[in-house]
Amino acid sequence: MLEFSKKVLKKVSFDKNLFKKELQKSIKWLSKKEMSHLKIWTLTTFSQYKGVILEVFDQIS
């Protein structure tokens, strides 16, 4: 599921709102370990959306 989430996020990264929506969906499917991996990967890959990424991950903590 983690790899699928990465593919989806890459495809929707052109739109901030769509990216946020898909990130929220992705974390519902993942284990804690996969979520931490996804957080690191998204922050590294999509640094332009740092605020959105941190907001989404803060909502689950």
N, C-alpha and C. Protein backbone atom coordinates (compact mmCIF):
# COMPACT_ATOMS: atom_id res chain seq x y z
N MET A 1 0.81 -1.20 0.00
CA MET A 1 0.00 0.00 0.00
C MET A 1 0.86 1.27 0.00
N LEU A 2 2.01 1.18 0.61
CA LEU A 2 2.91 2.34 0.67
C LEU A 2 3.35 2.75 -0.73
N GLU A 3 3.75 1.79 -1.53
CA GLU A 3 4.21 2.11 -2.89
C GLU A 3 3.07 2.67 -3.74
N PHE A 4 1.88 2.13 -3.55
CA PHE A 4 0.71 2.64 -4.27
C PHE A 4 0.45 4.10 -3.88
N SER A 5 0.54 4.39 -2.59
CA SER A 5 0.33 5.76 -2.10
C SER A 5 1.35 6.72 -2.71
N LYS A 6 2.59 6.27 -2.81
CA LYS A 6 3.63 7.11 -3.41
C LYS A 6 3.31 7.43 -4.87
N LYS A 7 2.87 6.42 -5.61
CA LYS A 7 2.52 6.63 -7.01
C LYS A 7 1.39 7.64 -7.16
N VAL A 8 0.36 7.48 -6.33
CA VAL A 8 -0.79 8.39 -6.39
C VAL A 8 -0.34 9.81 -6.07
N LEU A 9 0.43 9.97 -5.01
CA LEU A 9 0.88 11.31 -4.60
C LEU A 9 1.74 11.97 -5.67
N LYS A 10 2.56 11.19 -6.34
CA LYS A 10 3.36 11.75 -7.44
C LYS A 10 2.45 12.27 -8.56
N LYS A 11 1.39 11.51 -8.86
CA LYS A 11 0.50 11.89 -9.96
C LYS A 11 -0.36 13.10 -9.66
N VAL A 12 -0.67 13.34 -8.38
CA VAL A 12 -1.54 14.47 -8.04
C VAL A 12 -0.75 15.66 -7.49
N SER A 13 0.55 15.59 -7.51
CA SER A 13 1.36 16.64 -6.90
C SER A 13 1.27 18.00 -7.61
N PHE A 14 0.63 18.04 -8.75
CA PHE A 14 0.46 19.31 -9.47
C PHE A 14 -0.57 20.21 -8.79
N ASP A 15 -1.42 19.64 -7.94
CA ASP A 15 -2.50 20.41 -7.30
C ASP A 15 -2.42 20.24 -5.78
N LYS A 16 -2.24 21.34 -5.07
CA LYS A 16 -2.05 21.31 -3.62
C LYS A 16 -3.24 20.68 -2.89
N ASN A 17 -4.45 21.05 -3.27
CA ASN A 17 -5.64 20.54 -2.58
C ASN A 17 -5.85 19.05 -2.83
N LEU A 18 -5.63 18.63 -4.06
CA LEU A 18 -5.75 17.21 -4.41
C LEU A 18 -4.67 16.39 -3.70
N PHE A 19 -3.47 16.95 -3.63
CA PHE A 19 -2.37 16.30 -2.93
C PHE A 19 -2.74 16.08 -1.46
N LYS A 20 -3.28 17.10 -0.82
CA LYS A 20 -3.67 17.01 0.58
C LYS A 20 -4.74 15.93 0.78
N LYS A 21 -5.72 15.93 -0.08
CA LYS A 21 -6.81 14.96 0.00
C LYS A 21 -6.29 13.52 -0.13
N GLU A 22 -5.41 13.29 -1.10
CA GLU A 22 -4.87 11.95 -1.31
C GLU A 22 -3.93 11.53 -0.18
N LEU A 23 -3.21 12.49 0.38
CA LEU A 23 -2.33 12.18 1.51
C LEU A 23 -3.17 11.76 2.72
N GLN A 24 -4.27 12.45 2.95
CA GLN A 24 -5.16 12.09 4.05
C GLN A 24 -5.72 10.69 3.86
N LYS A 25 -6.08 10.35 2.64
CA LYS A 25 -6.59 9.00 2.37
C LYS A 25 -5.49 7.96 2.57
N SER A 26 -4.30 8.27 2.10
CA SER A 26 -3.19 7.32 2.17
C SER A 26 -2.87 6.91 3.60
N ILE A 27 -2.85 7.87 4.51
CA ILE A 27 -2.44 7.54 5.87
C ILE A 27 -3.47 6.69 6.60
N LYS A 28 -4.69 6.65 6.11
CA LYS A 28 -5.72 5.80 6.72
C LYS A 28 -5.43 4.32 6.45
N TRP A 29 -4.74 4.04 5.37
CA TRP A 29 -4.48 2.65 4.96
C TRP A 29 -3.19 2.08 5.52
N LEU A 30 -2.34 2.92 6.06
CA LEU A 30 -0.98 2.50 6.39
C LEU A 30 -0.78 2.19 7.87
N SER A 31 0.18 1.34 8.14
CA SER A 31 0.59 1.06 9.53
C SER A 31 1.41 2.24 10.04
N LYS A 32 1.68 2.24 11.34
CA LYS A 32 2.47 3.33 11.94
C LYS A 32 3.86 3.43 11.29
N LYS A 33 4.48 2.28 11.06
CA LYS A 33 5.81 2.26 10.46
C LYS A 33 5.76 2.83 9.04
N GLU A 34 4.76 2.41 8.27
CA GLU A 34 4.62 2.92 6.90
C GLU A 34 4.31 4.41 6.91
N MET A 35 3.53 4.87 7.88
CA MET A 35 3.20 6.30 7.98
C MET A 35 4.45 7.14 8.22
N SER A 36 5.33 6.66 9.09
CA SER A 36 6.55 7.43 9.35
C SER A 36 7.44 7.46 8.11
N HIS A 37 7.47 6.36 7.38
CA HIS A 37 8.22 6.32 6.13
C HIS A 37 7.62 7.29 5.10
N LEU A 38 6.30 7.29 5.01
CA LEU A 38 5.61 8.17 4.07
C LEU A 38 5.85 9.64 4.43
N LYS A 39 5.83 9.95 5.71
CA LYS A 39 6.06 11.33 6.14
C LYS A 39 7.44 11.81 5.71
N ILE A 40 8.45 11.01 5.96
CA ILE A 40 9.81 11.37 5.57
C ILE A 40 9.92 11.50 4.06
N TRP A 41 9.34 10.55 3.34
CA TRP A 41 9.40 10.56 1.88
C TRP A 41 8.69 11.79 1.31
N THR A 42 7.50 12.12 1.82
CA THR A 42 6.77 13.27 1.29
C THR A 42 7.49 14.58 1.59
N LEU A 43 8.03 14.71 2.80
CA LEU A 43 8.76 15.93 3.14
C LEU A 43 10.00 16.11 2.27
N THR A 44 10.63 15.01 1.93
CA THR A 44 11.83 15.06 1.09
C THR A 44 11.47 15.31 -0.37
N THR A 45 10.45 14.64 -0.86
CA THR A 45 10.09 14.70 -2.27
C THR A 45 9.27 15.94 -2.63
N PHE A 46 8.41 16.36 -1.72
CA PHE A 46 7.49 17.47 -2.01
C PHE A 46 7.69 18.60 -1.00
N SER A 47 8.90 19.11 -0.93
CA SER A 47 9.22 20.15 0.05
C SER A 47 8.37 21.42 -0.13
N GLN A 48 7.85 21.62 -1.35
CA GLN A 48 7.00 22.79 -1.59
C GLN A 48 5.67 22.69 -0.83
N TYR A 49 5.30 21.49 -0.39
CA TYR A 49 4.06 21.27 0.35
C TYR A 49 4.31 20.96 1.83
N LYS A 50 5.42 21.42 2.35
CA LYS A 50 5.81 21.10 3.73
C LYS A 50 4.69 21.44 4.73
N GLY A 51 4.10 22.59 4.59
CA GLY A 51 3.02 23.01 5.49
C GLY A 51 1.83 22.07 5.45
N VAL A 52 1.45 21.67 4.25
CA VAL A 52 0.31 20.76 4.05
C VAL A 52 0.64 19.40 4.67
N ILE A 53 1.83 18.90 4.40
CA ILE A 53 2.24 17.58 4.89
C ILE A 53 2.24 17.55 6.42
N LEU A 54 2.84 18.56 7.04
CA LEU A 54 2.90 18.60 8.49
C LEU A 54 1.50 18.75 9.08
N GLU A 55 0.65 19.52 8.44
CA GLU A 55 -0.73 19.68 8.91
C GLU A 55 -1.47 18.35 8.90
N VAL A 56 -1.35 17.60 7.82
CA VAL A 56 -2.04 16.31 7.70
C VAL A 56 -1.52 15.33 8.75
N PHE A 57 -0.21 15.25 8.92
CA PHE A 57 0.35 14.30 9.88
C PHE A 57 0.10 14.74 11.31
N ASP A 58 -0.01 16.03 11.56
CA ASP A 58 -0.32 16.51 12.92
C ASP A 58 -1.76 16.15 13.32
N GLN A 59 -2.64 16.05 12.34
CA GLN A 59 -4.04 15.72 12.62
C GLN A 59 -4.19 14.29 13.15
N ILE A 60 -3.27 13.42 12.80
CA ILE A 60 -3.38 12.02 13.24
C ILE A 60 -2.65 11.76 14.55
N SER A 61 -1.81 12.67 14.96
CA SER A 61 -1.01 12.45 16.18
C SER A 61 -1.84 12.67 17.42
